[in-house]
Protein backbone atom coordinates (compact mmCIF):
# COMPACT_ATOMS: atom_id res chain seq x y z
CA UNK A 1 46.31 34.09 -93.52
CA UNK A 2 48.85 34.87 -90.68
CA UNK A 3 48.90 33.12 -87.42
CA UNK A 4 47.88 36.02 -85.67
CA UNK A 5 44.66 36.20 -87.72
CA UNK A 6 43.62 32.49 -87.12
CA UNK A 7 44.20 32.99 -83.50
CA UNK A 8 41.86 35.90 -83.33
CA UNK A 9 39.34 33.69 -85.22
CA UNK A 10 39.48 31.02 -82.76
CA UNK A 11 39.38 33.23 -79.97
CA UNK A 12 36.06 34.81 -81.17
CA UNK A 13 34.65 31.41 -81.43
CA UNK A 14 35.44 30.61 -77.77
CA UNK A 15 33.71 33.73 -76.57
CA UNK A 16 30.09 32.69 -77.06
CA UNK A 17 30.71 29.31 -75.27
CA UNK A 18 32.56 31.15 -72.47
CA UNK A 19 29.63 33.51 -71.88
CA UNK A 20 27.10 30.75 -71.95
CA UNK A 21 29.09 28.89 -69.11
CA UNK A 22 29.53 31.80 -66.95
CA UNK A 23 26.15 33.64 -67.45
CA UNK A 24 27.95 36.89 -67.98
CA UNK A 25 28.75 37.95 -71.24
CA UNK A 26 32.58 39.40 -71.81
CA UNK A 27 33.93 38.22 -68.42
CA UNK A 28 36.28 35.54 -67.70
CA UNK A 29 35.57 32.75 -65.16
CA UNK A 30 37.28 33.28 -61.88
CA UNK A 31 38.21 29.76 -61.68
CA UNK A 32 40.19 29.72 -65.17
CA UNK A 33 43.30 31.72 -64.91
CA UNK A 34 44.14 33.86 -67.95
CA UNK A 35 46.27 31.91 -70.59
CA UNK A 36 48.98 33.91 -72.51
CA UNK A 37 49.45 32.27 -75.80
CA UNK A 38 52.57 33.13 -77.52
CA UNK A 39 52.43 32.71 -81.32
CA UNK A 40 55.37 32.75 -83.21
CA UNK A 41 55.23 34.70 -86.35
CA UNK A 42 55.07 32.76 -89.43
CA UNK A 43 56.69 33.44 -92.77
CA UNK A 44 54.51 34.56 -95.78
CA UNK A 45 54.03 32.11 -98.21
CA UNK A 46 53.61 32.79 -101.94
CA UNK A 47 49.83 31.52 -101.80
CA UNK A 48 49.07 33.55 -98.54
CA UNK A 49 47.58 36.49 -100.46
CA UNK A 50 44.75 34.38 -102.19
CA UNK A 51 43.73 32.42 -99.32
CA UNK A 52 43.80 35.46 -96.93
CA UNK A 53 41.10 37.27 -99.15
CA UNK A 54 38.83 34.40 -98.99
CA UNK A 55 39.13 33.88 -95.28
CA UNK A 56 37.58 37.13 -94.08
CA UNK A 57 34.31 36.52 -95.85
CA UNK A 58 33.95 32.73 -94.25
CA UNK A 59 34.94 34.37 -90.78
CA UNK A 60 31.95 36.85 -91.12
CA UNK A 61 29.61 34.53 -92.20
CA UNK A 62 30.45 32.19 -89.40
CA UNK A 63 30.27 35.07 -86.72
CA UNK A 64 26.89 35.94 -88.21
CA UNK A 65 25.56 32.32 -87.78
CA UNK A 66 27.14 32.10 -84.37
CA UNK A 67 25.47 35.23 -83.38
CA UNK A 68 22.17 34.22 -84.60
CA UNK A 69 22.41 30.88 -82.85
CA UNK A 70 23.40 32.65 -79.58
CA UNK A 71 20.16 34.77 -79.81
CA UNK A 72 18.07 31.97 -80.27
CA UNK A 73 19.69 30.21 -77.62
CA UNK A 74 19.55 32.83 -75.08
CA UNK A 75 15.99 34.02 -75.82
CA UNK A 76 14.42 30.73 -76.31
CA UNK A 77 16.52 28.57 -73.64
CA UNK A 78 16.38 30.86 -70.82
CA UNK A 79 13.96 33.52 -71.21
CA UNK A 80 10.21 32.58 -70.55
CA UNK A 81 7.82 35.32 -70.58
CA UNK A 82 5.16 35.43 -67.99
CA UNK A 83 1.89 34.18 -68.99
CA UNK A 84 -0.53 37.03 -69.42
CA UNK A 85 -3.60 36.74 -67.10
CA UNK A 86 -6.58 35.67 -68.60
CA UNK A 87 -8.90 38.70 -69.47
CA UNK A 88 -11.35 39.26 -66.69
CA UNK A 89 -13.91 39.19 -69.30
CA UNK A 90 -13.53 35.34 -69.78
CA UNK A 91 -13.86 34.69 -66.05
CA UNK A 92 -17.21 33.66 -64.86
CA UNK A 93 -19.18 36.27 -62.91
CA UNK A 94 -19.10 34.73 -59.49
CA UNK A 95 -15.28 34.28 -59.70
CA UNK A 96 -14.64 37.67 -60.76
CA UNK A 97 -16.91 38.97 -57.89
CA UNK A 98 -15.19 37.20 -55.19
CA UNK A 99 -11.61 38.62 -56.31
CA UNK A 100 -10.70 41.90 -54.75
CA UNK A 101 -10.53 44.60 -57.10
CA UNK A 102 -7.06 45.16 -58.76
CA UNK A 103 -5.85 41.63 -57.27
CA UNK A 104 -5.55 40.23 -60.70
CA UNK A 105 -3.50 43.24 -62.20
CA UNK A 106 -0.93 43.09 -59.54
CA UNK A 107 2.06 40.73 -60.44
CA UNK A 108 3.51 38.36 -57.81
CA UNK A 109 5.94 40.44 -55.46
CA UNK A 110 8.27 37.51 -55.11
CA UNK A 111 8.57 36.77 -58.72
CA UNK A 112 11.66 38.54 -59.92
CA UNK A 113 13.38 38.09 -63.25
CA UNK A 114 16.56 35.84 -63.22
CA UNK A 115 18.29 37.69 -65.50
CA UNK A 116 18.37 41.61 -66.37
CA UNK A 117 19.28 40.91 -69.87
CA UNK A 118 15.81 39.06 -70.44
CA UNK A 119 14.29 42.29 -69.58
CA UNK A 120 16.41 44.28 -71.70
CA UNK A 121 16.30 42.05 -74.61
CA UNK A 122 12.70 41.22 -74.44
CA UNK A 123 10.63 44.44 -73.24
CA UNK A 124 7.30 43.56 -71.91
CA UNK A 125 4.39 43.87 -74.42
CA UNK A 126 2.29 46.85 -74.03
CA UNK A 127 -0.71 45.90 -71.79
CA UNK A 128 -3.81 44.92 -73.97
CA UNK A 129 -6.28 44.62 -71.14
CA UNK A 130 -7.33 46.68 -68.15
CA UNK A 131 -5.74 43.94 -65.85
CA UNK A 132 -2.40 44.19 -67.65
CA UNK A 133 -2.17 47.89 -67.23
CA UNK A 134 -2.88 47.70 -63.48
CA UNK A 135 -6.37 49.07 -64.00
CA UNK A 136 -9.11 47.49 -61.99
CA UNK A 137 -11.60 45.47 -63.98
CA UNK A 138 -14.79 46.99 -64.65
CA UNK A 139 -17.46 46.26 -62.10
CA UNK A 140 -20.88 44.74 -63.00
CA UNK A 141 -23.41 47.37 -62.79
CA UNK A 142 -25.46 47.29 -59.67
CA UNK A 143 -28.83 46.22 -60.05
CA UNK A 144 -31.35 49.00 -60.63
CA UNK A 145 -33.42 49.59 -57.49
CA UNK A 146 -36.90 48.43 -57.80
CA UNK A 147 -39.18 51.29 -58.87
CA UNK A 148 -41.12 53.18 -56.33
CA UNK A 149 -44.40 52.22 -56.20
CA UNK A 150 -46.66 55.17 -55.68
CA UNK A 151 -50.43 55.08 -55.23
CA UNK A 152 -52.07 55.91 -58.53
CA UNK A 153 -54.01 59.17 -58.05
CA UNK A 154 -57.43 58.45 -59.50
CA UNK A 155 -59.69 61.40 -59.94
CA UNK A 156 -62.69 61.37 -57.94
CA UNK A 157 -65.62 60.55 -60.08
CA UNK A 158 -67.43 63.69 -60.91
CA UNK A 159 -70.98 63.31 -59.94
CA UNK A 160 -73.47 64.99 -62.26
CA UNK A 161 -75.13 67.89 -60.43
CA UNK A 162 -78.29 67.30 -58.87
CA UNK A 163 -81.44 68.16 -61.15
CA UNK A 164 -82.70 71.61 -60.35
CA UNK A 165 -85.75 71.90 -58.18
CA UNK A 166 -89.04 71.93 -60.05
CA UNK A 167 -90.10 75.52 -60.59
CA UNK A 168 -92.98 76.22 -58.43
CA UNK A 169 -95.35 78.69 -59.43
CA UNK A 170 -96.10 81.36 -56.54
CA UNK A 171 -99.25 80.63 -54.80
CA UNK A 172 -102.29 82.57 -55.92
CA UNK A 173 -103.70 82.75 -52.59
CA UNK A 174 -103.61 81.46 -48.90
CA UNK A 175 -106.28 79.99 -46.92
CA UNK A 176 -106.79 78.99 -43.13
CA UNK A 177 -109.21 76.17 -42.13
CA UNK A 178 -110.18 76.39 -38.47
CA UNK A 179 -112.07 73.22 -36.97
CA UNK A 180 -114.24 74.28 -34.12
CA UNK A 181 -115.70 72.51 -31.22
CA UNK A 182 -113.07 69.95 -30.17
CA UNK A 183 -112.97 68.71 -26.70
CA UNK A 184 -115.29 65.75 -26.46
CA UNK A 185 -113.77 63.28 -29.16
CA UNK A 186 -110.10 62.51 -28.75
CA UNK A 187 -110.15 60.13 -32.01
CA UNK A 188 -111.75 62.64 -34.31
CA UNK A 189 -109.19 65.19 -33.20
CA UNK A 190 -106.38 62.60 -34.12
CA UNK A 191 -107.78 62.14 -37.56
CA UNK A 192 -107.86 65.86 -38.34
CA UNK A 193 -104.53 66.37 -37.16
CA UNK A 194 -103.26 63.56 -39.76
CA UNK A 195 -104.63 65.65 -42.61
CA UNK A 196 -101.71 66.39 -44.94
CA UNK A 197 -102.20 70.18 -44.56
CA UNK A 198 -102.23 72.20 -41.34
CA UNK A 199 -105.65 72.93 -39.91
CA UNK A 200 -105.99 75.02 -36.73
CA UNK A 201 -108.01 73.39 -33.85
CA UNK A 202 -110.29 75.50 -31.88
CA UNK A 203 -110.90 73.68 -28.47
CA UNK A 204 -114.04 74.40 -26.14
CA UNK A 205 -113.17 74.80 -22.65
CA UNK A 206 -113.75 72.55 -19.77
CA UNK A 207 -114.58 69.52 -21.94
CA UNK A 208 -113.33 66.06 -21.11
CA UNK A 209 -110.56 65.96 -23.48
CA UNK A 210 -109.96 69.76 -23.94
CA UNK A 211 -106.42 69.75 -22.38
CA UNK A 212 -105.47 66.48 -23.99
CA UNK A 213 -106.18 67.57 -27.49
CA UNK A 214 -104.63 70.79 -27.08
CA UNK A 215 -101.46 68.93 -26.07
CA UNK A 216 -101.78 66.53 -28.71
CA UNK A 217 -102.14 69.18 -31.53
CA UNK A 218 -99.19 71.09 -30.09
CA UNK A 219 -96.79 68.08 -30.33
CA UNK A 220 -97.75 67.77 -34.07
CA UNK A 221 -97.32 71.25 -34.78
CA UNK A 222 -100.86 72.12 -35.11
CA UNK A 223 -102.12 75.64 -34.03
CA UNK A 224 -104.43 75.77 -31.02
CA UNK A 225 -107.14 78.31 -30.25
CA UNK A 226 -109.77 78.81 -27.55
CA UNK A 227 -113.41 78.47 -28.93
CA UNK A 228 -114.76 80.68 -26.26
CA UNK A 229 -118.45 80.26 -25.47
CA UNK A 230 -120.77 83.43 -25.58
CA UNK A 231 -124.21 83.91 -24.92
CA UNK A 232 -126.33 83.56 -28.19
CA UNK A 233 -129.79 85.14 -28.88
CA UNK A 234 -132.45 82.86 -27.60
CA UNK A 235 -130.71 82.19 -24.42
CA UNK A 236 -131.29 80.15 -22.14
CA UNK A 237 -133.35 78.07 -24.54
CA UNK A 238 -130.07 77.91 -26.64
CA UNK A 239 -127.14 77.03 -24.08
CA UNK A 240 -123.71 77.85 -25.23
CA UNK A 241 -122.14 75.25 -22.59
CA UNK A 242 -119.71 75.36 -19.73
CA UNK A 243 -117.44 78.48 -19.35
CA UNK A 244 -119.53 80.79 -21.50
CA UNK A 245 -119.52 84.62 -21.17
CA UNK A 246 -123.01 86.08 -20.41
CA UNK A 247 -124.53 89.48 -20.78
CA UNK A 248 -125.50 89.32 -17.07
CA UNK A 249 -121.89 88.92 -15.87
CA UNK A 250 -119.96 92.02 -14.54
CA UNK A 251 -116.63 92.85 -15.79
CA UNK A 252 -114.60 91.02 -13.13
CA UNK A 253 -116.75 87.96 -13.79
CA UNK A 254 -116.00 88.18 -17.58
CA UNK A 255 -112.32 88.45 -16.86
CA UNK A 256 -112.44 85.50 -14.40
CA UNK A 257 -114.25 83.20 -16.79
CA UNK A 258 -111.83 84.12 -19.55
CA UNK A 259 -108.64 83.37 -17.50
CA UNK A 260 -110.38 79.83 -16.32
CA UNK A 261 -111.04 78.79 -19.87
CA UNK A 262 -107.76 79.70 -21.14
CA UNK A 263 -105.91 77.84 -18.28
CA UNK A 264 -108.08 74.86 -19.33
CA UNK A 265 -106.80 74.93 -22.95
CA UNK A 266 -103.00 75.40 -22.93
CA UNK A 267 -101.12 76.62 -26.03
CA UNK A 268 -103.77 78.70 -27.25
CA UNK A 269 -102.53 81.56 -29.48
CA UNK A 270 -105.87 83.23 -30.14
CA UNK A 271 -109.62 83.14 -29.52
CA UNK A 272 -112.83 82.89 -31.65
CA UNK A 273 -116.23 82.94 -30.44
CA UNK A 274 -118.78 80.11 -30.01
CA UNK A 275 -122.11 81.01 -30.85
CA UNK A 276 -122.15 84.52 -29.20
CA UNK A 277 -124.75 86.08 -31.69
CA UNK A 278 -126.22 87.91 -28.64
CA UNK A 279 -122.91 89.05 -26.64
CA UNK A 280 -120.93 90.11 -29.76
CA UNK A 281 -123.58 92.84 -30.48
CA UNK A 282 -122.85 94.50 -27.25
CA UNK A 283 -119.90 96.89 -27.49
CA UNK A 284 -119.27 97.26 -23.62
CA UNK A 285 -119.06 93.65 -23.23
CA UNK A 286 -116.83 93.18 -26.08
CA UNK A 287 -114.53 95.79 -25.06
CA UNK A 288 -113.74 93.87 -21.76
CA UNK A 289 -112.93 90.80 -23.89
CA UNK A 290 -110.64 92.78 -26.20
CA UNK A 291 -108.55 94.34 -23.48
CA UNK A 292 -108.18 90.91 -22.00
CA UNK A 293 -106.96 89.53 -25.16
CA UNK A 294 -104.61 92.39 -25.54
CA UNK A 295 -103.18 91.71 -22.15
CA UNK A 296 -102.67 88.28 -22.92
CA UNK A 297 -101.13 89.17 -26.49
CA UNK A 298 -103.96 86.84 -28.41
CA UNK A 299 -105.55 87.55 -31.56
CA UNK A 300 -109.24 87.47 -32.10
CA UNK A 301 -111.25 85.60 -34.78
CA UNK A 302 -114.65 86.81 -35.23
CA UNK A 303 -116.79 83.80 -36.30
CA UNK A 304 -119.42 86.29 -37.46
CA UNK A 305 -122.19 84.38 -36.32
CA UNK A 306 -124.22 87.74 -36.10
CA UNK A 307 -124.42 90.27 -38.93
CA UNK A 308 -124.49 92.86 -36.25
CA UNK A 309 -121.20 91.77 -34.57
CA UNK A 310 -118.95 94.74 -33.63
CA UNK A 311 -116.08 92.32 -32.56
CA UNK A 312 -114.03 93.08 -35.74
CA UNK A 313 -114.36 96.90 -35.62
CA UNK A 314 -113.53 97.03 -31.89
CA UNK A 315 -110.44 95.04 -32.22
CA UNK A 316 -109.19 97.04 -35.22
CA UNK A 317 -109.63 100.16 -33.14
CA UNK A 318 -107.85 98.82 -30.10
CA UNK A 319 -104.89 97.60 -32.56
CA UNK A 320 -105.57 93.89 -31.57
CA UNK A 321 -104.65 91.29 -34.55
CA UNK A 322 -108.12 90.36 -35.91
CA UNK A 323 -109.76 88.51 -38.87
CA UNK A 324 -113.36 87.81 -39.79
CA UNK A 325 -114.47 84.19 -40.91
CA UNK A 326 -115.27 84.34 -44.63
CA UNK A 327 -116.94 81.00 -45.13
CA UNK A 328 -118.73 78.30 -42.98
CA UNK A 329 -117.88 74.92 -44.77
CA UNK A 330 -120.22 72.50 -43.25
CA UNK A 331 -123.39 74.00 -41.62
CA UNK A 332 -125.20 71.70 -44.14
CA UNK A 333 -123.92 68.15 -43.91
CA UNK A 334 -123.92 67.12 -47.46
CA UNK A 335 -121.07 66.24 -49.91
CA UNK A 336 -122.53 68.71 -52.53
CA UNK A 337 -122.74 71.53 -50.14
CA UNK A 338 -119.43 70.92 -48.93
CA UNK A 339 -117.73 70.86 -52.59
CA UNK A 340 -119.46 73.97 -53.48
CA UNK A 341 -118.14 75.72 -50.02
CA UNK A 342 -114.58 74.51 -50.91
CA UNK A 343 -114.71 75.98 -54.46
CA UNK A 344 -116.06 79.23 -52.99
CA UNK A 345 -113.06 79.42 -50.45
CA UNK A 346 -110.63 79.06 -53.41
CA UNK A 347 -112.17 81.69 -55.42
CA UNK A 348 -112.32 84.10 -52.40
CA UNK A 349 -108.63 83.38 -51.77
CA UNK A 350 -107.52 83.94 -55.18
CA UNK A 351 -109.67 87.32 -55.17
CA UNK A 352 -108.51 88.70 -51.61
CA UNK A 353 -105.25 86.84 -51.53
CA UNK A 354 -106.44 85.11 -48.32
CA UNK A 355 -109.66 83.57 -46.73
CA UNK A 356 -110.73 81.90 -43.54
CA UNK A 357 -112.89 78.96 -43.44
CA UNK A 358 -114.65 77.31 -40.24
CA UNK A 359 -115.52 73.81 -40.20
CA UNK A 360 -116.66 71.30 -37.54
CA UNK A 361 -115.46 67.91 -36.39
CA UNK A 362 -117.82 65.74 -38.49
CA UNK A 363 -116.88 62.49 -40.30
CA UNK A 364 -118.09 64.17 -43.56
CA UNK A 365 -116.13 67.16 -43.25
CA UNK A 366 -113.06 65.07 -42.44
CA UNK A 367 -113.67 62.91 -45.72
CA UNK A 368 -114.32 65.85 -48.02
CA UNK A 369 -111.14 67.52 -46.73
CA UNK A 370 -108.98 64.39 -47.10
CA UNK A 371 -110.31 63.78 -50.77
CA UNK A 372 -109.55 67.31 -51.83
CA UNK A 373 -106.17 67.68 -50.22
CA UNK A 374 -104.63 67.91 -53.87
CA UNK A 375 -106.96 70.40 -54.83
CA UNK A 376 -105.37 73.03 -53.05
CA UNK A 377 -102.09 72.52 -54.56
CA UNK A 378 -103.72 72.10 -58.34
CA UNK A 379 -105.31 75.67 -57.67
CA UNK A 380 -102.08 77.05 -56.36
CA UNK A 381 -103.69 77.80 -52.89
CA UNK A 382 -101.71 77.49 -49.83
CA UNK A 383 -103.20 76.19 -46.62
CA UNK A 384 -101.55 77.84 -43.60
CA UNK A 385 -102.12 78.28 -40.09
CA UNK A 386 -104.58 81.01 -38.95
CA UNK A 387 -101.73 83.15 -37.28
CA UNK A 388 -100.09 83.73 -40.63
CA UNK A 389 -103.21 85.39 -42.00
CA UNK A 390 -103.27 88.00 -39.17
CA UNK A 391 -102.41 91.41 -39.94
């Protein structure tokens, strides 16, 4: 090998060391001046050809070893890759929540690479986690809001429909029961008012309790009538009582007496005669009575104490509401007679459609009516006030 070739080999060996000392490859140090080496040419020897053929192979091998050592030295000695941030998934939940979003992914601005060759020789590995790529770490899902509690809509219980009302058969007839002669016994009047069906109270005028009984009956929705006394046959042996109409009276006297009697019995809606078997047979006298009743708009019940009474016919001719008594309940005071009369009243009501009975304020009459109160419903007979049977 020639001297020039050996010189070049030594020069190449010194280059890596010089680069390592200066930190810049291929540049000379400013402190060391460049040396000029003058090599004298050597003469070729006879053995130079054999050794020159082996020397380049050794030099190539040596250069490869030096280059590999340099790479190991530069890469392992000075290059220290930055530690990767621990994945956010390994951090505990409270710490991750306290770090602002994106803070773990941003590198330190003050940390700069000491050598650009480090960056060129060892490029950063591709990011494997959201923090390495600069992406904000996935936030924990917000807790679900509590469910909205709504009041449960509970359907109202469906009540069963009420049972249909019992089918009531239509009444086969109606009756009115009139009790005469009230005015003297207040307690007896109270008992008849307490009966479970309506009775009509006909009150005598000018008696100790006439007005009081009329007011009591009216308060309990019981109908009130004036039981107007009239002259009977056999007068004056048979006395009809105070406030009676007599055949010897003039028209003015009859009208005045009637007005006094009606004023003494308030709430009266009609009139029936007390006794009067003689008076009701005289048309001229009865016409005066009918006209006064028309003026006062009252109805008339003919008690029919005389078979020759003309009260019904005269009232019908005048257009006055009028009925005739059908049955006397208790002109004989015995239970058997009262029971027979009640049955007769029911039969007549079924035949005619309606019937009117007259009784009196006796204890026996009261008891029989009370005991047979359910008989009317069983026979489908309705007990009503007398005015409901007027035409």
